[in-house]
Every structure is written in structure tokens, then in C-alpha cells.
C-alpha atoms as a PDB file:
ATOM      1  CA  MET A   1      77.611  37.995 -80.285  1.00  0.00           C
ATOM      2  CA  ARG A   2      77.360  36.311 -83.720  1.00  0.00           C
ATOM      3  CA  THR A   3      76.533  39.592 -85.518  1.00  0.00           C
ATOM      4  CA  ALA A   4      79.513  41.229 -83.833  1.00  0.00           C
ATOM      5  CA  HIS A   5      81.747  38.477 -85.226  1.00  0.00           C
ATOM      6  CA  VAL A   6      80.575  39.102 -88.779  1.00  0.00           C
ATOM      7  CA  ILE A   7      81.206  42.842 -88.406  1.00  0.00           C
ATOM      8  CA  LEU A   8      84.589  42.197 -86.791  1.00  0.00           C
ATOM      9  CA  ALA A   9      85.611  39.804 -89.568  1.00  0.00           C
ATOM     10  CA  ALA A  10      84.528  42.233 -92.281  1.00  0.00           C
ATOM     11  CA  THR A  11      86.427  45.097 -90.624  1.00  0.00           C
ATOM     12  CA  ALA A  12      89.548  42.980 -90.270  1.00  0.00           C
ATOM     13  CA  ALA A  13      89.304  41.784 -93.880  1.00  0.00           C
ATOM     14  CA  LEU A  14      89.158  45.374 -95.137  1.00  0.00           C
ATOM     15  CA  PHE A  15      92.303  46.310 -93.292  1.00  0.00           C
ATOM     16  CA  LEU A  16      94.214  43.068 -93.793  1.00  0.00           C
ATOM     17  CA  ALA A  17      93.581  42.560 -97.503  1.00  0.00           C
ATOM     18  CA  GLY A  18      96.885  42.279 -99.216  1.00  0.00           C
ATOM     19  CA  ALA A  19      98.965  42.644 -96.045  1.00  0.00           C
ATOM     20  CA  PRO A  20     101.972  40.315 -96.111  1.00  0.00           C
ATOM     21  CA  ALA A  21     102.248  37.781 -93.327  1.00  0.00           C
ATOM     22  CA  ALA A  22     105.341  38.147 -91.196  1.00  0.00           C
ATOM     23  CA  ALA A  23     107.313  35.011 -90.512  1.00  0.00           C
ATOM     24  CA  GLN A  24     108.142  36.216 -87.002  1.00  0.00           C
ATOM     25  CA  SER A  25     105.974  38.785 -85.262  1.00  0.00           C
ATOM     26  CA  ALA A  26     107.895  41.931 -84.356  1.00  0.00           C
ATOM     27  CA  ALA A  27     105.409  42.464 -81.517  1.00  0.00           C
ATOM     28  CA  ALA A  28     106.242  39.071 -79.956  1.00  0.00           C
ATOM     29  CA  SER A  29     109.139  40.608 -78.022  1.00  0.00           C
ATOM     30  CA  HIS A  30     106.945  43.332 -76.510  1.00  0.00           C
ATOM     31  CA  PRO A  31     106.266  42.805 -72.758  1.00  0.00           C
ATOM     32  CA  GLY A  32     102.512  43.296 -73.298  1.00  0.00           C
ATOM     33  CA  TYR A  33     102.276  40.608 -76.004  1.00  0.00           C
ATOM     34  CA  VAL A  34     100.642  37.238 -75.293  1.00  0.00           C
ATOM     35  CA  ASP A  35     100.669  34.492 -77.930  1.00  0.00           C
ATOM     36  CA  GLY A  36      97.135  33.432 -78.847  1.00  0.00           C
ATOM     37  CA  ALA A  37      98.066  30.421 -81.009  1.00  0.00           C
ATOM     38  CA  THR A  38      96.933  27.970 -78.345  1.00  0.00           C
ATOM     39  CA  PHE A  39      93.468  29.519 -78.365  1.00  0.00           C
ATOM     40  CA  ARG A  40      93.291  29.432 -82.160  1.00  0.00           C
ATOM     41  CA  ALA A  41      94.035  25.692 -82.010  1.00  0.00           C
ATOM     42  CA  LEU A  42      90.970  25.182 -79.766  1.00  0.00           C
ATOM     43  CA  VAL A  43      88.512  26.749 -82.194  1.00  0.00           C
ATOM     44  CA  ASP A  44      86.323  24.555 -84.407  1.00  0.00           C
ATOM     45  CA  ASP A  45      87.168  25.339 -88.052  1.00  0.00           C
ATOM     46  CA  ASP A  46      83.725  24.132 -89.151  1.00  0.00           C
ATOM     47  CA  LYS A  47      81.997  26.945 -87.224  1.00  0.00           C
ATOM     48  CA  GLU A  48      82.203  30.743 -87.224  1.00  0.00           C
ATOM     49  CA  ILE A  49      85.676  32.072 -86.412  1.00  0.00           C
ATOM     50  CA  THR A  50      86.975  35.583 -86.044  1.00  0.00           C
ATOM     51  CA  GLU A  51      90.717  36.055 -85.961  1.00  0.00           C
ATOM     52  CA  ILE A  52      92.383  39.478 -85.799  1.00  0.00           C
ATOM     53  CA  ASN A  53      96.114  40.034 -86.330  1.00  0.00           C
ATOM     54  CA  LEU A  54      96.976  43.712 -86.617  1.00  0.00           C
ATOM     55  CA  GLU A  55     100.594  44.853 -86.372  1.00  0.00           C
ATOM     56  CA  GLY A  56     103.107  47.217 -87.946  1.00  0.00           C
ATOM     57  CA  PRO A  57     101.990  48.710 -91.270  1.00  0.00           C
ATOM     58  CA  THR A  58      98.354  47.706 -90.749  1.00  0.00           C
ATOM     59  CA  LEU A  59      98.123  49.511 -87.403  1.00  0.00           C
ATOM     60  CA  LYS A  60      99.929  52.496 -88.944  1.00  0.00           C
ATOM     61  CA  ALA A  61      97.339  52.590 -91.748  1.00  0.00           C
ATOM     62  CA  LEU A  62      94.530  52.594 -89.159  1.00  0.00           C
ATOM     63  CA  CYS A  63      96.355  55.324 -87.257  1.00  0.00           C
ATOM     64  CA  ASN A  64      96.568  57.467 -90.409  1.00  0.00           C
ATOM     65  CA  LYS A  65      92.950  56.861 -91.427  1.00  0.00           C
ATOM     66  CA  LYS A  66      91.146  60.215 -91.639  1.00  0.00           C
ATOM     67  CA  ASP A  67      87.610  59.038 -90.847  1.00  0.00           C
ATOM     68  CA  GLY A  68      86.459  56.984 -87.894  1.00  0.00           C
ATOM     69  CA  ASP A  69      86.676  57.434 -84.147  1.00  0.00           C
ATOM     70  CA  PRO A  70      89.585  59.727 -83.150  1.00  0.00           C
ATOM     71  CA  GLU A  71      90.018  57.899 -79.820  1.00  0.00           C
ATOM     72  CA  ALA A  72      90.354  54.555 -81.608  1.00  0.00           C
ATOM     73  CA  ARG A  73      92.790  56.126 -84.067  1.00  0.00           C
ATOM     74  CA  GLU A  74      94.900  57.430 -81.162  1.00  0.00           C
ATOM     75  CA  LEU A  75      95.007  53.955 -79.636  1.00  0.00           C
ATOM     76  CA  TYR A  76      95.990  52.392 -82.996  1.00  0.00           C
ATOM     77  CA  CYS A  77      98.872  54.892 -83.208  1.00  0.00           C
ATOM     78  CA  GLN A  78     100.223  53.783 -79.830  1.00  0.00           C
ATOM     79  CA  LEU A  79      99.745  50.019 -80.003  1.00  0.00           C
ATOM     80  CA  LYS A  80     102.306  47.519 -81.298  1.00  0.00           C
ATOM     81  CA  ALA A  81      99.767  44.743 -81.937  1.00  0.00           C
ATOM     82  CA  ILE A  82      96.124  43.726 -81.631  1.00  0.00           C
ATOM     83  CA  HIS A  83      95.388  40.002 -81.684  1.00  0.00           C
ATOM     84  CA  ALA A  84      92.055  38.271 -81.095  1.00  0.00           C
ATOM     85  CA  VAL A  85      90.574  34.814 -81.538  1.00  0.00           C
ATOM     86  CA  ILE A  86      86.823  34.350 -81.208  1.00  0.00           C
ATOM     87  CA  GLY A  87      84.963  31.146 -81.970  1.00  0.00           C
ATOM     88  CA  SER A  88      83.269  27.972 -80.823  1.00  0.00           C
ATOM     89  CA  VAL A  89      85.491  25.414 -79.172  1.00  0.00           C
ATOM     90  CA  ARG A  90      85.743  21.885 -80.482  1.00  0.00           C
ATOM     91  CA  GLY A  91      85.916  19.180 -77.866  1.00  0.00           C
ATOM     92  CA  PRO A  92      84.858  19.399 -74.229  1.00  0.00           C
ATOM     93  CA  ALA A  93      84.105  22.841 -72.834  1.00  0.00           C
ATOM     94  CA  ALA A  94      86.001  21.933 -69.667  1.00  0.00           C
ATOM     95  CA  ASN A  95      89.284  21.735 -71.621  1.00  0.00           C
ATOM     96  CA  ALA A  96      88.881  25.276 -72.952  1.00  0.00           C
ATOM     97  CA  LEU A  97      87.944  26.649 -69.554  1.00  0.00           C
ATOM     98  CA  THR A  98      90.953  24.912 -67.995  1.00  0.00           C
ATOM     99  CA  LEU A  99      93.273  26.508 -70.576  1.00  0.00           C
ATOM    100  CA  LEU A 100      91.792  29.958 -69.920  1.00  0.00           C
ATOM    101  CA  LYS A 101      92.211  29.557 -66.169  1.00  0.00           C
ATOM    102  CA  GLN A 102      95.794  28.296 -66.576  1.00  0.00           C
ATOM    103  CA  THR A 103      96.626  31.242 -68.832  1.00  0.00           C
ATOM    104  CA  ASP A 104      95.076  33.624 -66.307  1.00  0.00           C
ATOM    105  CA  GLN A 105      97.157  32.087 -63.499  1.00  0.00           C
ATOM    106  CA  LYS A 106     100.396  32.139 -65.545  1.00  0.00           C
ATOM    107  CA  LEU A 107      99.933  35.779 -66.469  1.00  0.00           C
ATOM    108  CA  ALA A 108      99.148  36.728 -62.863  1.00  0.00           C
ATOM    109  CA  ALA A 109     102.232  34.806 -61.683  1.00  0.00           C
ATOM    110  CA  ALA A 110     104.323  36.681 -64.289  1.00  0.00           C
ATOM    111  CA  GLY A 111     103.255  40.031 -62.828  1.00  0.00           C
ATOM    112  CA  TRP A 112     100.182  40.833 -64.913  1.00  0.00           C
ATOM    113  CA  GLN A 113      97.512  42.570 -62.825  1.00  0.00           C
ATOM    114  CA  ARG A 114      93.983  41.217 -62.903  1.00  0.00           C
ATOM    115  CA  ILE A 115      91.647  44.198 -63.166  1.00  0.00           C
ATOM    116  CA  ALA A 116      88.401  42.273 -63.644  1.00  0.00           C
ATOM    117  CA  ARG A 117      87.179  38.744 -63.095  1.00  0.00           C
ATOM    118  CA  ILE A 118      83.564  37.774 -63.556  1.00  0.00           C
ATOM    119  CA  LYS A 119      82.079  34.327 -63.178  1.00  0.00           C
ATOM    120  CA  ASP A 120      78.481  33.231 -63.320  1.00  0.00           C
ATOM    121  CA  GLU A 121      76.702  29.995 -64.191  1.00  0.00           C
ATOM    122  CA  THR A 122      77.649  30.076 -67.882  1.00  0.00           C
ATOM    123  CA  SER A 123      80.369  32.727 -68.288  1.00  0.00           C
ATOM    124  CA  TRP A 124      83.960  33.178 -67.145  1.00  0.00           C
ATOM    125  CA  ILE A 125      85.772  36.457 -67.814  1.00  0.00           C
ATOM    126  CA  SER A 126      89.199  37.674 -66.792  1.00  0.00           C
ATOM    127  CA  VAL A 127      90.908  40.889 -67.859  1.00  0.00           C
ATOM    128  CA  LEU A 128      94.562  41.480 -67.034  1.00  0.00           C
ATOM    129  CA  THR A 129      96.998  44.316 -67.674  1.00  0.00           C
ATOM    130  CA  HIS A 130     100.781  44.388 -67.906  1.00  0.00           C
ATOM    131  CA  VAL A 131     102.373  47.475 -66.385  1.00  0.00           C
ATOM    132  CA  SER A 132     105.889  48.847 -66.953  1.00  0.00           C
ATOM    133  CA  GLY A 133     106.672  51.755 -64.656  1.00  0.00           C
ATOM    134  CA  ASP A 134     103.470  53.774 -64.508  1.00  0.00           C
ATOM    135  CA  GLN A 135     102.239  52.801 -68.005  1.00  0.00           C
ATOM    136  CA  ILE A 136      99.872  49.989 -68.955  1.00  0.00           C
ATOM    137  CA  ASP A 137     101.649  48.339 -71.897  1.00  0.00           C
ATOM    138  CA  GLY A 138      99.514  45.262 -72.428  1.00  0.00           C
ATOM    139  CA  LEU A 139      95.969  44.029 -71.937  1.00  0.00           C
ATOM    140  CA  VAL A 140      94.480  40.542 -72.221  1.00  0.00           C
ATOM    141  CA  ALA A 141      90.793  39.624 -72.142  1.00  0.00           C
ATOM    142  CA  LEU A 142      89.972  35.925 -71.631  1.00  0.00           C
ATOM    143  CA  ILE A 143      86.299  35.022 -71.992  1.00  0.00           C
ATOM    144  CA  PHE A 144      84.435  31.728 -72.141  1.00  0.00           C
ATOM    145  CA  ASP A 145      80.708  31.072 -72.464  1.00  0.00           C
ATOM    146  CA  SER A 146      80.024  27.436 -71.604  1.00  0.00           C
ATOM    147  CA  GLU A 147      76.492  27.568 -72.989  1.00  0.00           C
ATOM    148  CA  ASP A 148      77.660  28.419 -76.536  1.00  0.00           C
ATOM    149  CA  LYS A 149      81.141  26.915 -76.020  1.00  0.00           C
ATOM    150  CA  GLU A 150      82.435  30.255 -77.297  1.00  0.00           C
ATOM    151  CA  ILE A 151      85.928  31.440 -76.438  1.00  0.00           C
ATOM    152  CA  VAL A 152      87.377  34.935 -76.744  1.00  0.00           C
ATOM    153  CA  PHE A 153      91.067  35.760 -76.478  1.00  0.00           C
ATOM    154  CA  ALA A 154      92.045  39.390 -77.081  1.00  0.00           C
ATOM    155  CA  ASN A 155      95.479  40.975 -76.582  1.00  0.00           C
ATOM    156  CA  LEU A 156      96.511  44.594 -77.000  1.00  0.00           C
ATOM    157  CA  ALA A 157     100.309  45.029 -76.889  1.00  0.00           C
ATOM    158  CA  GLY A 158     101.627  48.547 -76.422  1.00  0.00           C
ATOM    159  CA  PRO A 159     100.614  51.582 -74.389  1.00  0.00           C
ATOM    160  CA  VAL A 160      96.956  51.283 -73.419  1.00  0.00           C
ATOM    161  CA  ASP A 161      94.852  54.183 -72.184  1.00  0.00           C
ATOM    162  CA  LEU A 162      91.814  52.538 -70.609  1.00  0.00           C
ATOM    163  CA  SER A 163      89.711  55.623 -71.296  1.00  0.00           C
ATOM    164  CA  ASN A 164      90.198  55.015 -75.069  1.00  0.00           C
ATOM    165  CA  LEU A 165      89.604  51.284 -74.891  1.00  0.00           C
ATOM    166  CA  GLU A 166      85.865  51.470 -75.472  1.00  0.00           C
ATOM    167  CA  ALA A 167      86.507  53.046 -78.876  1.00  0.00           C
ATOM    168  CA  ILE A 168      88.654  50.132 -80.039  1.00  0.00           C
ATOM    169  CA  GLY A 169      86.168  47.602 -78.673  1.00  0.00           C
ATOM    170  CA  ASP A 170      83.392  49.343 -80.582  1.00  0.00           C
ATOM    171  CA  THR A 171      85.430  49.634 -83.783  1.00  0.00           C
ATOM    172  CA  LEU A 172      86.603  46.011 -83.859  1.00  0.00           C
ATOM    173  CA  LYS A 173      83.540  44.583 -82.067  1.00  0.00           C
ATOM    174  CA  VAL A 174      85.644  42.685 -79.513  1.00  0.00           C
ATOM    175  CA  PRO A 175      83.241  41.487 -76.808  1.00  0.00           C
ATOM    176  CA  GLY A 176      84.075  41.672 -73.112  1.00  0.00           C
ATOM    177  CA  LEU A 177      85.980  44.953 -73.077  1.00  0.00           C
ATOM    178  CA  GLU A 178      82.979  46.666 -71.491  1.00  0.00           C
ATOM    179  CA  HIS A 179      83.778  44.738 -68.280  1.00  0.00           C
ATOM    180  CA  ILE A 180      87.077  46.574 -67.762  1.00  0.00           C
ATOM    181  CA  PRO A 181      87.072  49.123 -64.957  1.00  0.00           C
ATOM    182  CA  GLY A 182      87.474  52.673 -66.305  1.00  0.00           C
ATOM    183  CA  VAL A 183      85.825  51.882 -69.639  1.00  0.00           C
ATOM    184  CA  ASP A 184      82.586  53.831 -70.025  1.00  0.00           C
END
């Protein structure tokens, strides 16, 4: 996953260069938005970190980009925000896993639908969607690898077509999206 992080960081840097930081995220009021600041606080700044914050004009620029995957471009046009935090956790792995599980439970209690949960000896993965009417309008992937102490938080806020999700995962190199049902 390390190579994917380098590619993801380079891609994000290309699109975020010169983009002004918003004091208050316009996407924060969207029902499919989940704040990832808590996860960013867990990540060890002395190790590799990938952080993605795409909203507003940046997503519009990706939407209007002529080259690249047309399915990814379509998804960029529909989304309100893409946020991700990927990195090694500082402190005990159990604390990070507890936070992921608590977040998973809070989202489920708030009406988010869990569409995938995978657990093995070293990995814990949960993918949830937020639905308004008959439209998925938010997706969260929560992933933890206890062996590497690596955490992944990814949130797509806005209309999500699961059949186009693979394209965005490939473009931004966000791990874990291949575990979502309906993604080829």
C-alpha cells in the first residue's frame, strides 16, 4: 500500500496546488459528510501520511478535466467532497481500532447502512453508505491493519453510483474500495 500512498499524494498535490483553504467546509452540512479530523489526529507525523481534501472548485476542475477516466470524471461532477486520511498510527493500535469501531457504531446508529464488514487476524474493514430517498449520498470506508498500524478513513459526500466507484478508487489510489459490493 505504500506505493499507492505516494501516487495518491502526488495526484492530490497536482490538483490541490494553489487551492485556497476554506475556513469552514461547505460540504460539512451535507448528510453524506463525515468529519475525518479525529483520524488525522491519530496519524504519526513522522511517518508517511496521505491526506486528501477535495471540495468545490477542485472537484469542479477534476470534473472538467478532458483526459482521464470518464467514469471518475462523472463521479467528481456529482460529489460535494472527497476526504481521506491514510497513515501509520502513533500510540497503541488498540486505541485506533477502538475509534474505528466507535465511528462505525455511531454511523450505523445514525442510519448509515453497513454494506461491507471484513475482519481477519490483522485487518478490520467497514464500509457504510448514507441513503436519502433512493439515492446513496455518502460513503465511508474505515480500514485498519494492525500489523502495519495503518489506518484508512475515506469519505465521499454527494451522490454515489457504486458502479463508478472503482474508477475513483483507481484514480486516487484509495485502498479498500474494492471490498464494496457492486464494485467490479
